[in-house]
Each structure stands twice: as structure tokens, then as C-alpha cells.
Amino acid sequence: MPKGGARPGAGRPKKPLGEKLAAGNPGKRPLKVVEFEKKRDDYPPPADHLDILGSGSEFYPSASKIYENTAEWLAVTGCRHLVSPQLVEDYALNTNRRLWAEYEVVRRGLVHKDPKRERMVMNEFVKTSQIYYKLAADAWDKIWRIVAANCEKDLTIDSPGTEFLKKIYGVKINTPLKPIEEDDDDEDEY
């Protein structure tokens, strides 16, 4: 057990570059922007294996479509040249597989009766969905850290994940939520 001293990851997290620029650089220190000699203007198209491994359906997009949407979003942020195509492929494939597992959960039901034990058991696709959700979230977290640290634009633009949520729920994601109003009359009903 460490006894003291600086630890990796300890302390206040760094503010994203876009927030510093929006606030007018309150610290007045020179802002750190990652510079590369050559920017990649042409991002590679989705690899062929994405169509084979992550085919879509009418209910969820294919892995190559998720890859293209993410690459377009990265172009809007101006950070596409910083993010590895393999990382975007990893995110796209895991997101596609998570959506496939969620579709199977909806199609087959959350629980079903086990014929051998004659009791209700959880659908095996629930666990599969959770695994792929974790993998996709890890890949997205890596992409987001790169973008948040280097994007000079407003990050309230729609990300690829919010596009899918808008289709499902039909709501604007970036709008603030209204607080739930509570009734004082219903407190003593129990």
C-alpha cells in the first residue's frame, strides 16, 4: 500500500482544450496543442473485414456504417488525423455487436423457461451485450480523450452515439432535462 506522494491519475482532471478556449484561457498559460508535420486528409475507408464480422440489418447499423459515421464526426471536430483508424474500427465493431446482442434480447425476450430445470433463466444475450458495451465504451473513451484534449471547436455537436439515441427515443440529446416536479400531497400514501 502506498504511503504518500504523487500517484498517477491523482488530482484534478485537465480541462479540455475547447473549454479553455471558450473561457478565454483563464490561466493565461500557452495552450498545449498536439502538432503533427503531416495531417491525414484522407481517412482510410472501412476495412473489408468490418462488413464480414459486423453486418447490419434494418434494425441496427453495420460496423462499416458506424465506422463512417465516427470518421465523419472526427472530421468535424478537426481531430481525425490524431485518432488511429484501428481504434475507430474497434469501436465500430464492438458497437455493432452490442446492438446485435440488444436486438436479440428484444427479439427473444429477457428471460425464458429452461426446459431441463423448469425454471426461468436470463437470456444469454444480456451478458453478451454487457461485454460488448464495456469494450465499445473503452474504445470510445480513448477516442473521446484524444478529441477532448485537442479539439478547438465546441464539443456540443452531435456525436455518433447520440445519433442512435435520437432514433430510438426521438428526443434531442443536447437539451437540458427538465426537473421532475414532485407532489407534496402524495407523501403519506404508503
N, C-alpha and C. Protein backbone atom coordinates (compact mmCIF):
# COMPACT_ATOMS: atom_id res chain seq x y z
N MET A 1 0.84 -1.17 0.00
CA MET A 1 0.00 0.00 0.00
C MET A 1 0.89 1.24 0.00
N PRO A 2 0.66 2.17 -0.95
CA PRO A 2 1.50 3.37 -0.97
C PRO A 2 1.26 4.24 0.25
N LYS A 3 2.31 4.86 0.71
CA LYS A 3 2.21 5.67 1.92
C LYS A 3 2.02 7.15 1.63
N GLY A 4 2.43 7.62 0.50
CA GLY A 4 2.28 9.04 0.21
C GLY A 4 2.95 9.40 -1.08
N GLY A 5 2.86 10.66 -1.41
CA GLY A 5 3.50 11.13 -2.63
C GLY A 5 2.53 11.15 -3.79
N ALA A 6 3.01 11.64 -4.90
CA ALA A 6 2.18 11.77 -6.10
C ALA A 6 1.88 10.40 -6.69
N ARG A 7 0.65 10.24 -7.12
CA ARG A 7 0.23 9.00 -7.75
C ARG A 7 -0.27 9.31 -9.16
N PRO A 8 -0.07 8.40 -10.08
CA PRO A 8 -0.57 8.64 -11.43
C PRO A 8 -2.09 8.76 -11.42
N GLY A 9 -2.59 9.78 -12.09
CA GLY A 9 -4.03 9.99 -12.18
C GLY A 9 -4.63 10.73 -11.02
N ALA A 10 -3.82 11.08 -10.01
CA ALA A 10 -4.35 11.80 -8.86
C ALA A 10 -4.48 13.28 -9.21
N GLY A 11 -5.35 13.94 -8.52
CA GLY A 11 -5.53 15.37 -8.72
C GLY A 11 -6.70 15.69 -9.63
N ARG A 12 -6.87 16.97 -9.85
CA ARG A 12 -7.97 17.44 -10.67
C ARG A 12 -7.71 17.10 -12.13
N PRO A 13 -8.72 16.58 -12.86
CA PRO A 13 -8.50 16.27 -14.27
C PRO A 13 -8.30 17.54 -15.09
N LYS A 14 -7.55 17.42 -16.19
CA LYS A 14 -7.29 18.55 -17.06
C LYS A 14 -8.57 18.94 -17.79
N LYS A 15 -8.73 20.26 -18.00
CA LYS A 15 -9.86 20.75 -18.77
C LYS A 15 -9.60 20.51 -20.24
N PRO A 16 -10.64 20.17 -21.01
CA PRO A 16 -10.45 20.03 -22.45
C PRO A 16 -10.05 21.36 -23.09
N LEU A 17 -9.34 21.30 -24.20
CA LEU A 17 -8.84 22.48 -24.88
C LEU A 17 -9.97 23.41 -25.30
N GLY A 18 -11.08 22.84 -25.77
CA GLY A 18 -12.22 23.65 -26.19
C GLY A 18 -12.79 24.48 -25.06
N GLU A 19 -12.86 23.90 -23.85
CA GLU A 19 -13.36 24.65 -22.69
C GLU A 19 -12.43 25.79 -22.33
N LYS A 20 -11.12 25.54 -22.41
CA LYS A 20 -10.15 26.60 -22.10
C LYS A 20 -10.29 27.76 -23.08
N LEU A 21 -10.47 27.44 -24.38
CA LEU A 21 -10.63 28.48 -25.38
C LEU A 21 -11.94 29.24 -25.20
N ALA A 22 -13.01 28.52 -24.84
CA ALA A 22 -14.31 29.17 -24.63
C ALA A 22 -14.27 30.10 -23.43
N ALA A 23 -13.49 29.76 -22.41
CA ALA A 23 -13.40 30.60 -21.22
C ALA A 23 -12.39 31.73 -21.40
N GLY A 24 -11.71 31.80 -22.54
CA GLY A 24 -10.75 32.86 -22.78
C GLY A 24 -9.39 32.59 -22.17
N ASN A 25 -9.04 31.34 -21.99
CA ASN A 25 -7.75 30.93 -21.41
C ASN A 25 -7.52 31.64 -20.07
N PRO A 26 -8.30 31.30 -19.05
CA PRO A 26 -8.20 32.00 -17.76
C PRO A 26 -6.82 31.88 -17.10
N GLY A 27 -6.09 30.82 -17.34
CA GLY A 27 -4.77 30.65 -16.73
C GLY A 27 -3.69 31.46 -17.43
N LYS A 28 -3.97 31.97 -18.62
CA LYS A 28 -3.05 32.77 -19.42
C LYS A 28 -1.74 32.06 -19.75
N ARG A 29 -1.71 30.74 -19.56
CA ARG A 29 -0.53 29.98 -19.96
C ARG A 29 -0.68 29.59 -21.42
N PRO A 30 0.42 29.33 -22.11
CA PRO A 30 0.28 28.88 -23.50
C PRO A 30 -0.45 27.53 -23.55
N LEU A 31 -1.42 27.44 -24.46
CA LEU A 31 -2.21 26.23 -24.57
C LEU A 31 -1.44 25.17 -25.34
N LYS A 32 -1.55 23.94 -24.87
CA LYS A 32 -0.83 22.82 -25.48
C LYS A 32 -1.72 22.18 -26.54
N VAL A 33 -1.28 22.27 -27.78
CA VAL A 33 -1.98 21.66 -28.90
C VAL A 33 -1.01 20.71 -29.56
N VAL A 34 -1.45 19.47 -29.78
CA VAL A 34 -0.59 18.49 -30.42
C VAL A 34 -0.44 18.86 -31.89
N GLU A 35 0.77 19.05 -32.35
CA GLU A 35 1.04 19.40 -33.74
C GLU A 35 1.73 18.23 -34.42
N PHE A 36 1.32 17.96 -35.63
CA PHE A 36 1.96 16.95 -36.45
C PHE A 36 2.42 17.60 -37.74
N GLU A 37 3.50 17.10 -38.31
CA GLU A 37 4.02 17.68 -39.54
C GLU A 37 3.05 17.47 -40.69
N LYS A 38 2.44 16.30 -40.76
CA LYS A 38 1.57 15.98 -41.87
C LYS A 38 0.20 15.55 -41.33
N LYS A 39 -0.85 16.24 -41.79
CA LYS A 39 -2.19 15.85 -41.41
C LYS A 39 -2.74 14.89 -42.46
N ARG A 40 -3.45 13.86 -41.99
CA ARG A 40 -4.08 12.93 -42.92
C ARG A 40 -5.41 13.51 -43.35
N ASP A 41 -5.50 13.95 -44.58
CA ASP A 41 -6.77 14.45 -45.08
C ASP A 41 -7.68 13.32 -45.51
N ASP A 42 -7.06 12.25 -45.98
CA ASP A 42 -7.86 11.11 -46.43
C ASP A 42 -7.80 10.01 -45.38
N TYR A 43 -8.92 9.77 -44.77
CA TYR A 43 -9.02 8.70 -43.78
C TYR A 43 -9.32 7.43 -44.54
N PRO A 44 -8.71 6.32 -44.18
CA PRO A 44 -8.95 5.09 -44.95
C PRO A 44 -10.41 4.66 -44.86
N PRO A 45 -10.92 4.07 -45.95
CA PRO A 45 -12.30 3.58 -45.90
C PRO A 45 -12.39 2.39 -44.94
N PRO A 46 -13.61 2.00 -44.58
CA PRO A 46 -13.75 0.86 -43.67
C PRO A 46 -13.11 -0.39 -44.27
N ALA A 47 -12.45 -1.15 -43.43
CA ALA A 47 -11.81 -2.39 -43.88
C ALA A 47 -12.87 -3.41 -44.28
N ASP A 48 -12.49 -4.31 -45.16
CA ASP A 48 -13.42 -5.33 -45.66
C ASP A 48 -13.92 -6.25 -44.55
N HIS A 49 -13.07 -6.50 -43.56
CA HIS A 49 -13.49 -7.43 -42.50
C HIS A 49 -14.62 -6.85 -41.64
N LEU A 50 -14.81 -5.51 -41.66
CA LEU A 50 -15.92 -4.94 -40.90
C LEU A 50 -17.27 -5.36 -41.48
N ASP A 51 -17.35 -5.48 -42.79
CA ASP A 51 -18.61 -5.94 -43.40
C ASP A 51 -18.87 -7.40 -43.12
N ILE A 52 -17.81 -8.19 -43.04
CA ILE A 52 -17.96 -9.62 -42.79
C ILE A 52 -18.30 -9.88 -41.32
N LEU A 53 -17.54 -9.25 -40.42
CA LEU A 53 -17.72 -9.51 -38.99
C LEU A 53 -18.89 -8.75 -38.38
N GLY A 54 -19.20 -7.58 -38.91
CA GLY A 54 -20.23 -6.75 -38.30
C GLY A 54 -21.29 -6.31 -39.28
N SER A 55 -21.99 -7.28 -39.86
CA SER A 55 -23.05 -6.93 -40.80
C SER A 55 -24.24 -6.37 -40.03
N GLY A 56 -24.96 -5.48 -40.65
CA GLY A 56 -26.10 -4.84 -40.01
C GLY A 56 -27.40 -5.43 -40.48
N SER A 57 -28.48 -4.82 -40.05
CA SER A 57 -29.81 -5.21 -40.50
C SER A 57 -30.64 -3.94 -40.57
N GLU A 58 -31.92 -4.09 -40.80
CA GLU A 58 -32.77 -2.91 -40.84
C GLU A 58 -32.96 -2.31 -39.43
N PHE A 59 -32.60 -3.05 -38.40
CA PHE A 59 -32.82 -2.59 -37.03
C PHE A 59 -31.58 -1.96 -36.40
N TYR A 60 -30.40 -2.26 -36.89
CA TYR A 60 -29.17 -1.69 -36.35
C TYR A 60 -28.15 -1.55 -37.48
N PRO A 61 -27.27 -0.54 -37.39
CA PRO A 61 -26.33 -0.28 -38.49
C PRO A 61 -25.18 -1.28 -38.52
N SER A 62 -24.57 -1.40 -39.68
CA SER A 62 -23.41 -2.27 -39.83
C SER A 62 -22.19 -1.61 -39.21
N ALA A 63 -21.15 -2.41 -38.98
CA ALA A 63 -19.92 -1.87 -38.39
C ALA A 63 -19.27 -0.86 -39.33
N SER A 64 -19.35 -1.08 -40.63
CA SER A 64 -18.75 -0.13 -41.56
C SER A 64 -19.51 1.20 -41.56
N LYS A 65 -20.82 1.17 -41.38
CA LYS A 65 -21.60 2.41 -41.29
C LYS A 65 -21.25 3.17 -40.00
N ILE A 66 -21.07 2.46 -38.89
CA ILE A 66 -20.67 3.09 -37.64
C ILE A 66 -19.27 3.70 -37.79
N TYR A 67 -18.39 2.99 -38.50
CA TYR A 67 -17.03 3.49 -38.76
C TYR A 67 -17.10 4.80 -39.56
N GLU A 68 -17.92 4.81 -40.63
CA GLU A 68 -18.04 6.01 -41.46
C GLU A 68 -18.61 7.17 -40.67
N ASN A 69 -19.64 6.93 -39.86
CA ASN A 69 -20.23 8.00 -39.04
C ASN A 69 -19.23 8.56 -38.05
N THR A 70 -18.45 7.68 -37.43
CA THR A 70 -17.46 8.13 -36.46
C THR A 70 -16.35 8.92 -37.15
N ALA A 71 -15.92 8.46 -38.32
CA ALA A 71 -14.88 9.18 -39.07
C ALA A 71 -15.38 10.55 -39.51
N GLU A 72 -16.65 10.66 -39.91
CA GLU A 72 -17.22 11.96 -40.27
C GLU A 72 -17.27 12.88 -39.05
N TRP A 73 -17.66 12.34 -37.91
CA TRP A 73 -17.70 13.15 -36.69
C TRP A 73 -16.30 13.63 -36.30
N LEU A 74 -15.31 12.75 -36.44
CA LEU A 74 -13.93 13.14 -36.14
C LEU A 74 -13.46 14.24 -37.09
N ALA A 75 -13.90 14.21 -38.35
CA ALA A 75 -13.54 15.26 -39.30
C ALA A 75 -14.12 16.60 -38.87
N VAL A 76 -15.35 16.59 -38.37
CA VAL A 76 -15.98 17.83 -37.90
C VAL A 76 -15.24 18.40 -36.70
N THR A 77 -14.75 17.55 -35.82
CA THR A 77 -14.02 18.03 -34.66
C THR A 77 -12.63 18.52 -35.01
N GLY A 78 -12.11 18.11 -36.17
CA GLY A 78 -10.77 18.51 -36.57
C GLY A 78 -9.69 17.63 -35.98
N CYS A 79 -10.06 16.50 -35.40
CA CYS A 79 -9.09 15.63 -34.74
C CYS A 79 -8.96 14.27 -35.43
N ARG A 80 -9.47 14.16 -36.65
CA ARG A 80 -9.45 12.87 -37.31
C ARG A 80 -8.02 12.38 -37.56
N HIS A 81 -7.11 13.30 -37.80
CA HIS A 81 -5.73 12.90 -38.08
C HIS A 81 -5.02 12.39 -36.83
N LEU A 82 -5.59 12.62 -35.66
CA LEU A 82 -4.98 12.19 -34.40
C LEU A 82 -5.42 10.79 -33.97
N VAL A 83 -6.57 10.36 -34.45
CA VAL A 83 -7.16 9.09 -34.00
C VAL A 83 -6.82 7.98 -34.99
N SER A 84 -6.31 6.89 -34.47
CA SER A 84 -5.93 5.75 -35.29
C SER A 84 -7.17 5.09 -35.91
N PRO A 85 -7.12 4.74 -37.20
CA PRO A 85 -8.24 4.04 -37.82
C PRO A 85 -8.55 2.70 -37.14
N GLN A 86 -7.53 2.05 -36.60
CA GLN A 86 -7.77 0.78 -35.91
C GLN A 86 -8.61 0.98 -34.65
N LEU A 87 -8.42 2.10 -33.98
CA LEU A 87 -9.23 2.40 -32.80
C LEU A 87 -10.68 2.64 -33.18
N VAL A 88 -10.90 3.33 -34.29
CA VAL A 88 -12.26 3.56 -34.77
C VAL A 88 -12.89 2.24 -35.23
N GLU A 89 -12.11 1.37 -35.87
CA GLU A 89 -12.62 0.06 -36.26
C GLU A 89 -13.03 -0.76 -35.04
N ASP A 90 -12.21 -0.71 -34.00
CA ASP A 90 -12.51 -1.43 -32.76
C ASP A 90 -13.82 -0.93 -32.16
N TYR A 91 -13.98 0.38 -32.11
CA TYR A 91 -15.22 0.97 -31.58
C TYR A 91 -16.42 0.55 -32.43
N ALA A 92 -16.28 0.62 -33.76
CA ALA A 92 -17.39 0.31 -34.65
C ALA A 92 -17.82 -1.15 -34.53
N LEU A 93 -16.85 -2.05 -34.50
CA LEU A 93 -17.18 -3.47 -34.43
C LEU A 93 -17.84 -3.83 -33.10
N ASN A 94 -17.31 -3.31 -31.99
CA ASN A 94 -17.90 -3.61 -30.68
C ASN A 94 -19.27 -2.97 -30.52
N THR A 95 -19.47 -1.79 -31.08
CA THR A 95 -20.79 -1.16 -31.02
C THR A 95 -21.79 -1.95 -31.84
N ASN A 96 -21.38 -2.40 -33.03
CA ASN A 96 -22.27 -3.21 -33.86
C ASN A 96 -22.68 -4.50 -33.14
N ARG A 97 -21.72 -5.14 -32.52
CA ARG A 97 -22.03 -6.40 -31.81
C ARG A 97 -22.91 -6.16 -30.59
N ARG A 98 -22.73 -5.04 -29.92
CA ARG A 98 -23.60 -4.71 -28.78
C ARG A 98 -25.02 -4.49 -29.26
N LEU A 99 -25.19 -3.78 -30.37
CA LEU A 99 -26.53 -3.54 -30.90
C LEU A 99 -27.18 -4.84 -31.37
N TRP A 100 -26.36 -5.74 -31.95
CA TRP A 100 -26.88 -7.04 -32.34
C TRP A 100 -27.37 -7.81 -31.13
N ALA A 101 -26.59 -7.80 -30.05
CA ALA A 101 -26.99 -8.53 -28.83
C ALA A 101 -28.25 -7.91 -28.24
N GLU A 102 -28.35 -6.59 -28.25
CA GLU A 102 -29.56 -5.93 -27.73
C GLU A 102 -30.78 -6.30 -28.59
N TYR A 103 -30.57 -6.38 -29.89
CA TYR A 103 -31.65 -6.79 -30.78
C TYR A 103 -32.11 -8.21 -30.45
N GLU A 104 -31.16 -9.10 -30.19
CA GLU A 104 -31.51 -10.48 -29.85
C GLU A 104 -32.24 -10.56 -28.51
N VAL A 105 -31.87 -9.69 -27.58
CA VAL A 105 -32.58 -9.66 -26.29
C VAL A 105 -34.03 -9.24 -26.51
N VAL A 106 -34.23 -8.23 -27.34
CA VAL A 106 -35.60 -7.78 -27.62
C VAL A 106 -36.37 -8.85 -28.38
N ARG A 107 -35.73 -9.50 -29.33
CA ARG A 107 -36.40 -10.50 -30.16
C ARG A 107 -36.76 -11.76 -29.38
N ARG A 108 -35.86 -12.23 -28.51
CA ARG A 108 -36.07 -13.48 -27.79
C ARG A 108 -36.66 -13.31 -26.40
N GLY A 109 -36.60 -12.12 -25.87
CA GLY A 109 -37.12 -11.89 -24.54
C GLY A 109 -36.00 -11.84 -23.51
N LEU A 110 -36.25 -11.18 -22.42
CA LEU A 110 -35.25 -11.02 -21.38
C LEU A 110 -35.01 -12.32 -20.61
N VAL A 111 -36.07 -13.06 -20.37
CA VAL A 111 -35.95 -14.35 -19.68
C VAL A 111 -36.72 -15.41 -20.47
N HIS A 112 -36.37 -16.65 -20.27
CA HIS A 112 -37.09 -17.75 -20.89
C HIS A 112 -37.06 -18.96 -19.95
N LYS A 113 -37.94 -19.91 -20.22
CA LYS A 113 -38.03 -21.08 -19.36
C LYS A 113 -37.01 -22.12 -19.80
N ASP A 114 -36.20 -22.58 -18.86
CA ASP A 114 -35.21 -23.62 -19.12
C ASP A 114 -35.92 -24.97 -19.10
N PRO A 115 -35.90 -25.72 -20.21
CA PRO A 115 -36.65 -26.99 -20.25
C PRO A 115 -36.10 -28.06 -19.30
N LYS A 116 -34.80 -28.05 -19.02
CA LYS A 116 -34.23 -29.08 -18.15
C LYS A 116 -34.58 -28.84 -16.69
N ARG A 117 -34.44 -27.62 -16.24
CA ARG A 117 -34.65 -27.32 -14.81
C ARG A 117 -36.05 -26.79 -14.52
N GLU A 118 -36.78 -26.49 -15.57
CA GLU A 118 -38.14 -25.96 -15.45
C GLU A 118 -38.20 -24.74 -14.55
N ARG A 119 -37.31 -23.80 -14.84
CA ARG A 119 -37.36 -22.51 -14.15
C ARG A 119 -36.95 -21.43 -15.14
N MET A 120 -37.19 -20.20 -14.77
CA MET A 120 -36.88 -19.07 -15.64
C MET A 120 -35.39 -18.72 -15.53
N VAL A 121 -34.76 -18.52 -16.68
CA VAL A 121 -33.35 -18.13 -16.71
C VAL A 121 -33.22 -16.89 -17.60
N MET A 122 -32.16 -16.12 -17.34
CA MET A 122 -31.94 -14.91 -18.12
C MET A 122 -31.38 -15.27 -19.49
N ASN A 123 -31.78 -14.50 -20.47
CA ASN A 123 -31.29 -14.67 -21.83
C ASN A 123 -29.77 -14.48 -21.85
N GLU A 124 -29.04 -15.36 -22.54
CA GLU A 124 -27.59 -15.29 -22.58
C GLU A 124 -27.07 -14.07 -23.34
N PHE A 125 -27.92 -13.45 -24.15
CA PHE A 125 -27.51 -12.27 -24.90
C PHE A 125 -27.41 -11.03 -24.01
N VAL A 126 -27.99 -11.06 -22.83
CA VAL A 126 -27.86 -9.94 -21.89
C VAL A 126 -26.40 -9.79 -21.48
N LYS A 127 -25.77 -10.89 -21.11
CA LYS A 127 -24.36 -10.87 -20.72
C LYS A 127 -23.48 -10.48 -21.90
N THR A 128 -23.80 -11.00 -23.08
CA THR A 128 -23.05 -10.66 -24.29
C THR A 128 -23.13 -9.16 -24.56
N SER A 129 -24.32 -8.60 -24.41
CA SER A 129 -24.50 -7.16 -24.61
C SER A 129 -23.67 -6.36 -23.63
N GLN A 130 -23.63 -6.78 -22.38
CA GLN A 130 -22.85 -6.08 -21.37
C GLN A 130 -21.35 -6.12 -21.68
N ILE A 131 -20.87 -7.25 -22.17
CA ILE A 131 -19.45 -7.38 -22.52
C ILE A 131 -19.09 -6.45 -23.66
N TYR A 132 -19.91 -6.46 -24.72
CA TYR A 132 -19.61 -5.60 -25.87
C TYR A 132 -19.83 -4.13 -25.54
N TYR A 133 -20.75 -3.83 -24.64
CA TYR A 133 -20.92 -2.44 -24.20
C TYR A 133 -19.65 -1.93 -23.53
N LYS A 134 -19.07 -2.77 -22.67
CA LYS A 134 -17.83 -2.38 -21.98
C LYS A 134 -16.70 -2.17 -22.96
N LEU A 135 -16.55 -3.07 -23.94
CA LEU A 135 -15.49 -2.95 -24.93
C LEU A 135 -15.68 -1.70 -25.80
N ALA A 136 -16.92 -1.44 -26.22
CA ALA A 136 -17.20 -0.25 -27.03
C ALA A 136 -16.97 1.02 -26.21
N ALA A 137 -17.36 1.01 -24.94
CA ALA A 137 -17.17 2.18 -24.09
C ALA A 137 -15.69 2.46 -23.85
N ASP A 138 -14.90 1.42 -23.71
CA ASP A 138 -13.45 1.60 -23.55
C ASP A 138 -12.84 2.22 -24.80
N ALA A 139 -13.23 1.73 -25.98
CA ALA A 139 -12.70 2.28 -27.23
C ALA A 139 -13.16 3.72 -27.41
N TRP A 140 -14.44 4.00 -27.09
CA TRP A 140 -14.94 5.37 -27.23
C TRP A 140 -14.25 6.31 -26.24
N ASP A 141 -13.95 5.83 -25.05
CA ASP A 141 -13.27 6.65 -24.06
C ASP A 141 -11.90 7.08 -24.58
N LYS A 142 -11.18 6.19 -25.24
CA LYS A 142 -9.88 6.53 -25.82
C LYS A 142 -10.03 7.58 -26.92
N ILE A 143 -11.04 7.40 -27.78
CA ILE A 143 -11.29 8.38 -28.84
C ILE A 143 -11.67 9.72 -28.23
N TRP A 144 -12.56 9.70 -27.23
CA TRP A 144 -13.03 10.94 -26.63
C TRP A 144 -11.90 11.70 -25.93
N ARG A 145 -11.00 11.00 -25.27
CA ARG A 145 -9.88 11.67 -24.61
C ARG A 145 -9.01 12.42 -25.60
N ILE A 146 -8.77 11.80 -26.76
CA ILE A 146 -7.98 12.46 -27.79
C ILE A 146 -8.69 13.71 -28.29
N VAL A 147 -9.99 13.57 -28.56
CA VAL A 147 -10.75 14.70 -29.08
C VAL A 147 -10.87 15.81 -28.03
N ALA A 148 -11.19 15.45 -26.80
CA ALA A 148 -11.38 16.46 -25.75
C ALA A 148 -10.09 17.23 -25.46
N ALA A 149 -8.96 16.56 -25.56
CA ALA A 149 -7.69 17.23 -25.27
C ALA A 149 -7.22 18.10 -26.42
N ASN A 150 -7.71 17.88 -27.64
CA ASN A 150 -7.16 18.57 -28.79
C ASN A 150 -8.15 19.34 -29.64
N CYS A 151 -9.44 19.23 -29.38
CA CYS A 151 -10.44 19.88 -30.21
C CYS A 151 -10.56 21.35 -29.82
N GLU A 152 -10.47 22.22 -30.81
CA GLU A 152 -10.61 23.65 -30.57
C GLU A 152 -12.04 24.12 -30.80
N LYS A 153 -12.92 23.23 -31.22
CA LYS A 153 -14.30 23.58 -31.53
C LYS A 153 -15.20 23.23 -30.36
N ASP A 154 -16.44 23.67 -30.44
CA ASP A 154 -17.44 23.38 -29.43
C ASP A 154 -17.81 21.90 -29.50
N LEU A 155 -17.70 21.21 -28.38
CA LEU A 155 -17.95 19.76 -28.37
C LEU A 155 -19.41 19.41 -28.11
N THR A 156 -20.31 20.38 -28.20
CA THR A 156 -21.72 20.06 -28.04
C THR A 156 -22.33 19.56 -29.34
N ILE A 157 -21.52 19.42 -30.39
CA ILE A 157 -22.03 18.86 -31.64
C ILE A 157 -22.39 17.40 -31.41
N ASP A 158 -23.27 16.91 -32.23
CA ASP A 158 -23.76 15.54 -32.04
C ASP A 158 -22.64 14.54 -32.28
N SER A 159 -22.51 13.60 -31.36
CA SER A 159 -21.54 12.52 -31.53
C SER A 159 -22.26 11.34 -32.16
N PRO A 160 -21.51 10.37 -32.68
CA PRO A 160 -22.15 9.20 -33.31
C PRO A 160 -23.08 8.44 -32.37
N GLY A 161 -22.80 8.42 -31.09
CA GLY A 161 -23.65 7.71 -30.14
C GLY A 161 -24.99 8.39 -29.95
N THR A 162 -25.03 9.72 -30.01
CA THR A 162 -26.30 10.41 -29.80
C THR A 162 -27.21 10.27 -31.01
N GLU A 163 -26.65 10.06 -32.19
CA GLU A 163 -27.46 9.85 -33.39
C GLU A 163 -28.35 8.62 -33.22
N PHE A 164 -27.79 7.54 -32.70
CA PHE A 164 -28.55 6.32 -32.48
C PHE A 164 -29.62 6.54 -31.41
N LEU A 165 -29.28 7.26 -30.33
CA LEU A 165 -30.25 7.51 -29.28
C LEU A 165 -31.39 8.38 -29.77
N LYS A 166 -31.10 9.32 -30.65
CA LYS A 166 -32.16 10.16 -31.19
C LYS A 166 -33.16 9.33 -31.98
N LYS A 167 -32.66 8.34 -32.73
CA LYS A 167 -33.56 7.48 -33.50
C LYS A 167 -34.46 6.68 -32.57
N ILE A 168 -33.87 6.15 -31.49
CA ILE A 168 -34.65 5.30 -30.59
C ILE A 168 -35.69 6.11 -29.82
N TYR A 169 -35.23 7.20 -29.19
CA TYR A 169 -36.11 7.93 -28.29
C TYR A 169 -36.81 9.12 -28.93
N GLY A 170 -36.32 9.57 -30.08
CA GLY A 170 -36.96 10.69 -30.76
C GLY A 170 -36.85 11.99 -30.00
N VAL A 171 -35.78 12.18 -29.27
CA VAL A 171 -35.60 13.41 -28.49
C VAL A 171 -34.26 14.03 -28.83
N LYS A 172 -34.13 15.30 -28.48
CA LYS A 172 -32.85 15.96 -28.60
C LYS A 172 -32.02 15.60 -27.38
N ILE A 173 -30.80 15.16 -27.60
CA ILE A 173 -29.95 14.71 -26.51
C ILE A 173 -29.26 15.88 -25.82
N ASN A 174 -28.88 16.91 -26.57
CA ASN A 174 -28.09 18.00 -26.00
C ASN A 174 -28.93 19.05 -25.29
N THR A 175 -30.25 18.87 -25.21
CA THR A 175 -31.07 19.83 -24.49
C THR A 175 -31.08 19.47 -23.01
N PRO A 176 -31.11 20.48 -22.14
CA PRO A 176 -31.13 20.16 -20.71
C PRO A 176 -32.44 19.51 -20.31
N LEU A 177 -32.36 18.61 -19.38
CA LEU A 177 -33.55 17.91 -18.90
C LEU A 177 -34.32 18.79 -17.92
N LYS A 178 -35.63 18.67 -17.96
CA LYS A 178 -36.46 19.41 -17.01
C LYS A 178 -36.52 18.64 -15.70
N PRO A 179 -36.47 19.32 -14.57
CA PRO A 179 -36.56 18.59 -13.30
C PRO A 179 -37.95 17.99 -13.11
N ILE A 180 -37.99 16.88 -12.44
CA ILE A 180 -39.26 16.21 -12.15
C ILE A 180 -39.93 16.93 -11.00
N GLU A 181 -41.16 17.31 -11.24
CA GLU A 181 -41.90 18.02 -10.19
C GLU A 181 -42.55 16.99 -9.27
N GLU A 182 -42.33 17.16 -8.00
CA GLU A 182 -42.89 16.22 -7.03
C GLU A 182 -44.13 16.83 -6.40
N ASP A 183 -45.10 15.96 -6.15
CA ASP A 183 -46.31 16.39 -5.47
C ASP A 183 -46.14 16.19 -3.98
N ASP A 184 -46.41 17.20 -3.20
CA ASP A 184 -46.31 17.10 -1.75
C ASP A 184 -47.47 16.32 -1.14
N ASP A 185 -48.59 16.21 -1.89
CA ASP A 185 -49.77 15.54 -1.36
C ASP A 185 -49.60 14.03 -1.29
N ASP A 186 -48.73 13.46 -2.14
CA ASP A 186 -48.62 12.00 -2.23
C ASP A 186 -47.58 11.42 -1.28
N GLU A 187 -47.08 12.17 -0.35
CA GLU A 187 -46.02 11.67 0.51
C GLU A 187 -46.49 10.59 1.48
N ASP A 188 -47.68 10.70 2.03
CA ASP A 188 -48.13 9.82 3.08
C ASP A 188 -49.07 8.73 2.58
N GLU A 189 -48.98 8.35 1.32
CA GLU A 189 -49.88 7.32 0.80
C GLU A 189 -49.48 5.92 1.19
N TYR A 190 -48.26 5.69 1.60
CA TYR A 190 -47.82 4.34 1.91
C TYR A 190 -48.30 3.99 3.25
